């Protein structure tokens, strides 16, 4: 029983820390004017999501993870992409 209570505390705390960490990536991308395609809490498949100002905000099935998908992460996509951003 004690172990179950520990997990009921650890998982939400870990999920909150992951959310704050990914929020840091998101805000930094916005600060450097990099287009954010998706801000996802949890790992896919997607449970629910909405689009606001060209960014998909999603809540996904597996809560112990998250991601920020930016334009140009995989290949050059022009102005406003990760690959065309200045270092400072």
Protein backbone atom coordinates (compact mmCIF):
# COMPACT_ATOMS: atom_id res chain seq x y z
CA UNK A 1 0.00 0.00 0.00
CA UNK A 2 2.81 2.41 0.88
CA UNK A 3 4.46 1.89 -2.51
CA UNK A 4 1.21 2.69 -4.32
CA UNK A 5 0.92 5.97 -2.39
CA UNK A 6 4.50 6.84 -3.35
CA UNK A 7 3.72 6.33 -7.05
CA UNK A 8 0.54 8.39 -6.74
CA UNK A 9 2.74 11.26 -5.58
CA UNK A 10 5.81 10.68 -7.79
CA UNK A 11 4.01 10.48 -11.16
CA UNK A 12 2.17 13.86 -10.91
CA UNK A 13 5.31 15.58 -9.57
CA UNK A 14 7.40 14.12 -12.40
CA UNK A 15 4.74 15.12 -14.95
CA UNK A 16 4.77 18.69 -13.60
CA UNK A 17 8.58 18.89 -13.82
CA UNK A 18 8.51 17.62 -17.40
CA UNK A 19 5.83 20.18 -18.29
CA UNK A 20 7.93 23.02 -16.85
CA UNK A 21 11.03 21.73 -18.69
CA UNK A 22 9.21 21.60 -22.04
CA UNK A 23 7.67 25.01 -21.37
CA UNK A 24 11.25 26.32 -21.17
CA UNK A 25 11.95 24.95 -24.67
CA UNK A 26 8.69 26.48 -25.93
CA UNK A 27 9.32 29.94 -24.47
CA UNK A 28 12.93 29.98 -25.69
CA UNK A 29 11.80 29.09 -29.21
CA UNK A 30 9.22 31.90 -29.09
CA UNK A 31 11.86 34.32 -27.76
CA UNK A 32 14.14 33.54 -30.73
CA UNK A 33 11.17 33.71 -33.15
CA UNK A 34 11.34 30.03 -34.08
CA UNK A 35 8.01 28.67 -35.29
CA UNK A 36 6.65 26.05 -32.88
CA UNK A 37 4.55 23.47 -34.70
CA UNK A 38 3.41 21.53 -31.62
CA UNK A 39 3.68 21.68 -27.84
CA UNK A 40 2.86 18.24 -26.52
CA UNK A 41 2.41 17.08 -22.95
CA UNK A 42 2.91 13.33 -22.77
CA UNK A 43 3.86 10.95 -25.56
CA UNK A 44 1.48 10.17 -28.46
CA UNK A 45 -1.09 9.02 -29.35
CA UNK A 46 -2.92 12.31 -28.90
CA UNK A 47 -5.94 12.34 -26.56
CA UNK A 48 -6.99 15.93 -27.14
CA UNK A 49 -5.52 18.97 -28.84
CA UNK A 50 -6.30 22.39 -30.19
CA UNK A 51 -4.60 24.87 -32.48
CA UNK A 52 -3.89 28.46 -31.45
CA UNK A 53 -1.91 30.90 -33.61
CA UNK A 54 -0.50 28.10 -35.76
CA UNK A 55 0.70 25.91 -32.88
CA UNK A 56 -0.93 22.62 -31.91
CA UNK A 57 -1.26 22.20 -28.14
CA UNK A 58 -1.84 18.55 -27.27
CA UNK A 59 -2.34 16.26 -24.31
CA UNK A 60 -1.14 12.78 -25.13
CA UNK A 61 -1.68 9.27 -23.78
CA UNK A 62 1.54 8.63 -21.82
CA UNK A 63 1.91 11.41 -19.18
CA UNK A 64 5.59 10.96 -18.29
CA UNK A 65 7.05 12.83 -21.24
CA UNK A 66 6.63 15.80 -23.49
CA UNK A 67 7.98 17.53 -26.56
CA UNK A 68 8.19 20.78 -28.49
CA UNK A 69 8.20 20.31 -32.25
CA UNK A 70 9.83 23.24 -34.05
CA UNK A 71 9.93 24.09 -37.74
CA UNK A 72 13.28 23.20 -39.29
CA UNK A 73 14.42 20.66 -36.70
CA UNK A 74 14.89 17.96 -39.32
CA UNK A 75 15.70 19.99 -42.43
CA UNK A 76 15.91 23.62 -43.50
CA UNK A 77 12.48 25.20 -43.82
CA UNK A 78 13.33 28.85 -44.39
CA UNK A 79 12.83 31.93 -42.20
CA UNK A 80 11.39 31.29 -38.75
CA UNK A 81 12.76 27.76 -38.60
CA UNK A 82 15.11 26.22 -36.05
CA UNK A 83 17.87 25.70 -38.62
CA UNK A 84 17.83 29.35 -39.71
CA UNK A 85 17.83 30.86 -36.19
CA UNK A 86 20.81 32.82 -34.89
CA UNK A 87 22.77 31.37 -31.98
CA UNK A 88 22.38 34.61 -30.01
